[in-house]
N, C-alpha and C. Protein backbone atom coordinates (compact mmCIF):
# COMPACT_ATOMS: atom_id res chain seq x y z
N MET A 1 42.26 20.35 -24.34
CA MET A 1 40.97 20.07 -24.94
C MET A 1 40.04 19.49 -23.88
N PRO A 2 38.80 20.05 -23.73
CA PRO A 2 37.88 19.54 -22.70
C PRO A 2 37.39 18.14 -23.05
N ARG A 3 37.13 17.41 -22.00
CA ARG A 3 36.60 16.06 -22.20
C ARG A 3 35.16 16.14 -22.68
N PRO A 4 34.75 15.23 -23.56
CA PRO A 4 33.35 15.25 -24.02
C PRO A 4 32.41 14.85 -22.88
N ILE A 5 31.24 15.44 -22.91
CA ILE A 5 30.23 15.12 -21.90
C ILE A 5 29.54 13.83 -22.32
N PRO A 6 29.50 12.85 -21.40
CA PRO A 6 28.84 11.58 -21.76
C PRO A 6 27.34 11.81 -21.98
N PRO A 7 26.72 10.97 -22.77
CA PRO A 7 25.27 11.13 -23.01
C PRO A 7 24.49 10.96 -21.70
N PHE A 8 23.40 11.70 -21.61
CA PHE A 8 22.54 11.64 -20.44
C PHE A 8 21.82 10.30 -20.38
N LYS A 9 21.91 9.66 -19.25
CA LYS A 9 21.19 8.40 -19.05
C LYS A 9 20.35 8.55 -17.78
N PRO A 10 19.01 8.58 -17.92
CA PRO A 10 18.18 8.76 -16.74
C PRO A 10 18.30 7.58 -15.78
N VAL A 11 18.26 7.89 -14.53
CA VAL A 11 18.29 6.86 -13.50
C VAL A 11 16.84 6.63 -13.07
N PRO A 12 16.35 5.41 -13.22
CA PRO A 12 14.96 5.17 -12.82
C PRO A 12 14.80 5.37 -11.32
N ALA A 13 13.84 6.16 -10.95
CA ALA A 13 13.52 6.41 -9.54
C ALA A 13 12.01 6.28 -9.40
N ASN A 14 11.56 5.11 -9.09
CA ASN A 14 10.14 4.83 -8.97
C ASN A 14 9.82 4.44 -7.53
N ALA A 15 8.56 4.56 -7.17
CA ALA A 15 8.15 4.23 -5.80
C ALA A 15 7.00 3.24 -5.82
N LEU A 16 7.15 2.19 -5.06
CA LEU A 16 6.08 1.22 -4.83
C LEU A 16 5.53 1.54 -3.44
N ILE A 17 4.29 1.98 -3.36
CA ILE A 17 3.70 2.44 -2.11
C ILE A 17 2.66 1.41 -1.67
N PRO A 18 3.06 0.50 -0.79
CA PRO A 18 2.10 -0.53 -0.38
C PRO A 18 1.13 -0.01 0.67
N GLY A 19 -0.06 -0.58 0.67
CA GLY A 19 -1.01 -0.33 1.75
C GLY A 19 -0.65 -1.26 2.89
N LEU A 20 -1.61 -1.57 3.71
CA LEU A 20 -1.34 -2.50 4.80
C LEU A 20 -1.04 -3.88 4.23
N VAL A 21 0.01 -4.47 4.73
CA VAL A 21 0.41 -5.80 4.31
C VAL A 21 0.12 -6.73 5.48
N ASP A 22 -0.49 -7.85 5.19
CA ASP A 22 -0.91 -8.79 6.22
C ASP A 22 0.31 -9.48 6.83
N THR A 23 0.72 -8.98 7.98
CA THR A 23 1.83 -9.57 8.73
C THR A 23 1.44 -9.57 10.21
N GLU A 24 2.25 -10.18 11.03
CA GLU A 24 1.99 -10.17 12.48
C GLU A 24 1.96 -8.74 13.01
N LEU A 25 2.72 -7.84 12.42
CA LEU A 25 2.77 -6.46 12.90
C LEU A 25 1.49 -5.69 12.62
N THR A 26 0.68 -6.12 11.66
CA THR A 26 -0.56 -5.40 11.36
C THR A 26 -1.78 -6.05 11.99
N ARG A 27 -1.59 -7.12 12.72
CA ARG A 27 -2.70 -7.78 13.40
C ARG A 27 -2.60 -7.53 14.91
N TYR A 28 -3.18 -6.42 15.38
CA TYR A 28 -3.13 -6.15 16.81
C TYR A 28 -4.37 -5.36 17.25
N ASP A 29 -4.71 -5.50 18.52
CA ASP A 29 -5.94 -4.93 19.08
C ASP A 29 -6.06 -3.42 18.85
N ALA A 30 -4.99 -2.67 19.11
CA ALA A 30 -5.08 -1.20 19.01
C ALA A 30 -5.47 -0.77 17.60
N ARG A 31 -4.96 -1.44 16.60
CA ARG A 31 -5.31 -1.09 15.22
C ARG A 31 -6.79 -1.34 14.96
N TYR A 32 -7.26 -2.48 15.42
CA TYR A 32 -8.68 -2.80 15.22
C TYR A 32 -9.57 -1.84 16.01
N LYS A 33 -9.16 -1.50 17.24
CA LYS A 33 -9.94 -0.56 18.06
C LYS A 33 -10.00 0.80 17.39
N ASN A 34 -8.89 1.28 16.87
CA ASN A 34 -8.86 2.57 16.18
C ASN A 34 -9.75 2.56 14.95
N ALA A 35 -9.73 1.47 14.20
CA ALA A 35 -10.55 1.37 13.00
C ALA A 35 -12.03 1.45 13.37
N ILE A 36 -12.41 0.80 14.46
CA ILE A 36 -13.81 0.84 14.89
C ILE A 36 -14.15 2.23 15.43
N ALA A 37 -13.27 2.82 16.22
CA ALA A 37 -13.51 4.14 16.80
C ALA A 37 -13.67 5.22 15.73
N GLU A 38 -12.96 5.08 14.61
CA GLU A 38 -13.06 6.06 13.52
C GLU A 38 -14.47 6.10 12.93
N THR A 39 -15.23 5.04 13.11
CA THR A 39 -16.59 5.01 12.59
C THR A 39 -17.59 5.58 13.59
N GLY A 40 -17.12 5.97 14.79
CA GLY A 40 -18.00 6.50 15.82
C GLY A 40 -18.63 5.43 16.69
N LYS A 41 -18.24 4.18 16.48
CA LYS A 41 -18.79 3.08 17.28
C LYS A 41 -17.83 2.76 18.42
N GLU A 42 -18.36 2.17 19.46
CA GLU A 42 -17.52 1.79 20.59
C GLU A 42 -16.91 0.42 20.32
N ALA A 43 -15.62 0.33 20.54
CA ALA A 43 -14.91 -0.92 20.26
C ALA A 43 -14.81 -1.77 21.51
N PRO A 44 -14.91 -3.08 21.37
CA PRO A 44 -14.68 -3.96 22.52
C PRO A 44 -13.20 -3.93 22.91
N ASP A 45 -12.88 -4.47 24.07
CA ASP A 45 -11.49 -4.46 24.53
C ASP A 45 -10.56 -5.22 23.60
N HIS A 46 -11.01 -6.32 23.08
CA HIS A 46 -10.17 -7.14 22.20
C HIS A 46 -10.94 -7.45 20.92
N PRO A 47 -11.05 -6.47 20.02
CA PRO A 47 -11.82 -6.70 18.79
C PRO A 47 -11.11 -7.66 17.85
N THR A 48 -11.91 -8.35 17.09
CA THR A 48 -11.37 -9.25 16.07
C THR A 48 -11.26 -8.50 14.75
N PRO A 49 -10.49 -9.03 13.81
CA PRO A 49 -10.44 -8.40 12.49
C PRO A 49 -11.83 -8.32 11.86
N GLN A 50 -12.66 -9.33 12.08
CA GLN A 50 -14.01 -9.32 11.51
C GLN A 50 -14.85 -8.20 12.10
N GLN A 51 -14.73 -7.94 13.40
CA GLN A 51 -15.48 -6.85 14.03
C GLN A 51 -15.05 -5.50 13.44
N ALA A 52 -13.76 -5.33 13.22
CA ALA A 52 -13.27 -4.08 12.62
C ALA A 52 -13.81 -3.95 11.20
N TRP A 53 -13.83 -5.04 10.47
CA TRP A 53 -14.35 -5.02 9.10
C TRP A 53 -15.85 -4.68 9.10
N ASP A 54 -16.60 -5.32 9.99
CA ASP A 54 -18.05 -5.11 10.05
C ASP A 54 -18.42 -3.69 10.47
N ALA A 55 -17.53 -2.99 11.16
CA ALA A 55 -17.81 -1.63 11.63
C ALA A 55 -17.65 -0.59 10.53
N ARG A 56 -17.09 -0.99 9.41
CA ARG A 56 -16.87 -0.04 8.32
C ARG A 56 -18.21 0.54 7.86
N PRO A 57 -18.21 1.81 7.48
CA PRO A 57 -19.47 2.42 7.04
C PRO A 57 -20.00 1.81 5.75
N ASP A 58 -21.30 1.87 5.56
CA ASP A 58 -21.91 1.39 4.31
C ASP A 58 -21.33 2.20 3.15
N GLY A 59 -21.07 1.54 2.06
CA GLY A 59 -20.55 2.22 0.89
C GLY A 59 -19.05 2.42 0.91
N ALA A 60 -18.37 1.91 1.94
CA ALA A 60 -16.91 2.06 1.99
C ALA A 60 -16.30 1.27 0.84
N VAL A 61 -15.19 1.77 0.33
CA VAL A 61 -14.49 1.08 -0.75
C VAL A 61 -14.00 -0.26 -0.20
N GLU A 62 -14.20 -1.31 -0.97
CA GLU A 62 -13.75 -2.62 -0.51
C GLU A 62 -12.24 -2.61 -0.40
N SER A 63 -11.77 -3.20 0.64
CA SER A 63 -10.34 -3.21 0.91
C SER A 63 -9.93 -4.59 1.39
N ARG A 64 -8.67 -4.82 1.37
CA ARG A 64 -8.15 -6.08 1.90
C ARG A 64 -6.68 -5.87 2.22
N LEU A 65 -6.19 -6.68 3.11
CA LEU A 65 -4.77 -6.63 3.42
C LEU A 65 -4.02 -7.39 2.33
N ALA A 66 -2.99 -6.79 1.84
CA ALA A 66 -2.19 -7.45 0.81
C ALA A 66 -1.35 -8.55 1.44
N ARG A 67 -1.08 -9.53 0.69
CA ARG A 67 -0.16 -10.57 1.14
C ARG A 67 1.24 -10.12 0.73
N THR A 68 2.23 -10.52 1.49
CA THR A 68 3.59 -10.08 1.18
C THR A 68 4.00 -10.49 -0.23
N ARG A 69 3.49 -11.63 -0.70
CA ARG A 69 3.83 -12.08 -2.05
C ARG A 69 3.09 -11.28 -3.12
N GLY A 70 2.08 -10.53 -2.73
CA GLY A 70 1.27 -9.79 -3.68
C GLY A 70 1.99 -8.64 -4.37
N HIS A 71 3.08 -8.18 -3.81
CA HIS A 71 3.81 -7.06 -4.39
C HIS A 71 4.96 -7.51 -5.28
N ILE A 72 5.20 -8.78 -5.34
CA ILE A 72 6.34 -9.29 -6.11
C ILE A 72 6.23 -8.93 -7.59
N ALA A 73 5.06 -9.07 -8.19
CA ALA A 73 4.90 -8.79 -9.62
C ALA A 73 5.23 -7.33 -9.93
N ARG A 74 4.85 -6.42 -9.07
CA ARG A 74 5.17 -5.01 -9.31
C ARG A 74 6.66 -4.76 -9.21
N ARG A 75 7.30 -5.41 -8.24
CA ARG A 75 8.76 -5.25 -8.10
C ARG A 75 9.49 -5.82 -9.32
N VAL A 76 9.05 -6.98 -9.77
CA VAL A 76 9.68 -7.61 -10.94
C VAL A 76 9.53 -6.70 -12.16
N PHE A 77 8.33 -6.13 -12.34
CA PHE A 77 8.12 -5.22 -13.47
C PHE A 77 9.08 -4.04 -13.40
N LEU A 78 9.17 -3.39 -12.25
CA LEU A 78 10.03 -2.21 -12.14
C LEU A 78 11.51 -2.54 -12.34
N ALA A 79 11.90 -3.77 -12.05
CA ALA A 79 13.29 -4.17 -12.23
C ALA A 79 13.58 -4.72 -13.63
N SER A 80 12.55 -4.88 -14.44
CA SER A 80 12.72 -5.51 -15.75
C SER A 80 12.94 -4.48 -16.85
N ASP A 81 13.32 -4.98 -18.02
CA ASP A 81 13.48 -4.12 -19.20
C ASP A 81 12.14 -3.51 -19.63
N ALA A 82 11.03 -4.14 -19.26
CA ALA A 82 9.72 -3.61 -19.63
C ALA A 82 9.48 -2.22 -19.01
N ALA A 83 10.18 -1.92 -17.93
CA ALA A 83 10.02 -0.62 -17.27
C ALA A 83 11.17 0.33 -17.61
N ALA A 84 11.88 0.06 -18.69
CA ALA A 84 13.04 0.87 -19.05
C ALA A 84 12.70 2.35 -19.24
N MET A 85 11.51 2.66 -19.70
CA MET A 85 11.11 4.05 -19.94
C MET A 85 10.29 4.63 -18.79
N VAL A 86 10.18 3.89 -17.69
CA VAL A 86 9.39 4.34 -16.55
C VAL A 86 10.33 4.95 -15.51
N THR A 87 10.13 6.21 -15.20
CA THR A 87 10.90 6.85 -14.14
C THR A 87 10.05 7.94 -13.51
N GLY A 88 10.20 8.11 -12.23
CA GLY A 88 9.41 9.11 -11.52
C GLY A 88 7.98 8.69 -11.28
N ALA A 89 7.70 7.41 -11.35
CA ALA A 89 6.32 6.91 -11.18
C ALA A 89 6.09 6.45 -9.75
N GLU A 90 4.86 6.60 -9.31
CA GLU A 90 4.44 6.10 -8.01
C GLU A 90 3.34 5.07 -8.23
N TYR A 91 3.52 3.90 -7.68
CA TYR A 91 2.52 2.85 -7.81
C TYR A 91 1.94 2.57 -6.42
N GLU A 92 0.70 3.00 -6.20
CA GLU A 92 0.03 2.72 -4.94
C GLU A 92 -0.64 1.36 -5.05
N VAL A 93 -0.26 0.48 -4.17
CA VAL A 93 -0.82 -0.87 -4.13
C VAL A 93 -1.55 -0.99 -2.81
N THR A 94 -2.76 -0.43 -2.76
CA THR A 94 -3.49 -0.32 -1.49
C THR A 94 -4.81 -1.05 -1.46
N GLY A 95 -5.18 -1.70 -2.55
CA GLY A 95 -6.45 -2.42 -2.57
C GLY A 95 -7.64 -1.51 -2.43
N GLY A 96 -7.49 -0.23 -2.75
CA GLY A 96 -8.60 0.70 -2.69
C GLY A 96 -8.61 1.61 -1.47
N ASP A 97 -7.80 1.30 -0.46
CA ASP A 97 -7.80 2.14 0.75
C ASP A 97 -7.37 3.57 0.47
N SER A 98 -6.47 3.79 -0.47
CA SER A 98 -6.02 5.16 -0.73
C SER A 98 -7.13 6.02 -1.31
N ALA A 99 -8.13 5.40 -1.89
CA ALA A 99 -9.24 6.15 -2.47
C ALA A 99 -10.11 6.80 -1.39
N LYS A 100 -10.05 6.28 -0.20
CA LYS A 100 -10.84 6.87 0.89
C LYS A 100 -9.95 7.37 2.00
N ASP A 101 -8.66 7.56 1.72
CA ASP A 101 -7.70 8.17 2.65
C ASP A 101 -7.57 7.40 3.96
N VAL A 102 -7.41 6.06 3.86
CA VAL A 102 -7.22 5.25 5.06
C VAL A 102 -5.75 5.20 5.38
């Protein structure tokens, strides 16, 4: 006699897609220079984060670097019973940067 097939139980497979997170690794001259160069402006040798921000084009979507603690609530939700019916979802946590393809 064949064994009965157990009931199907979906395995949650969700993705948390963070934007830039404010860490030492995201604070460096080359990144700031590239951000300024993308606007067609000439970047100084050692630009500051404020200079990179000020170079953004008018009307750009407001953005900010996330803090590492800022993603905790999303992780807790996905690990909780509240997300029991959520699977195959992608959560972009980019502060608006994904809207302008940054």
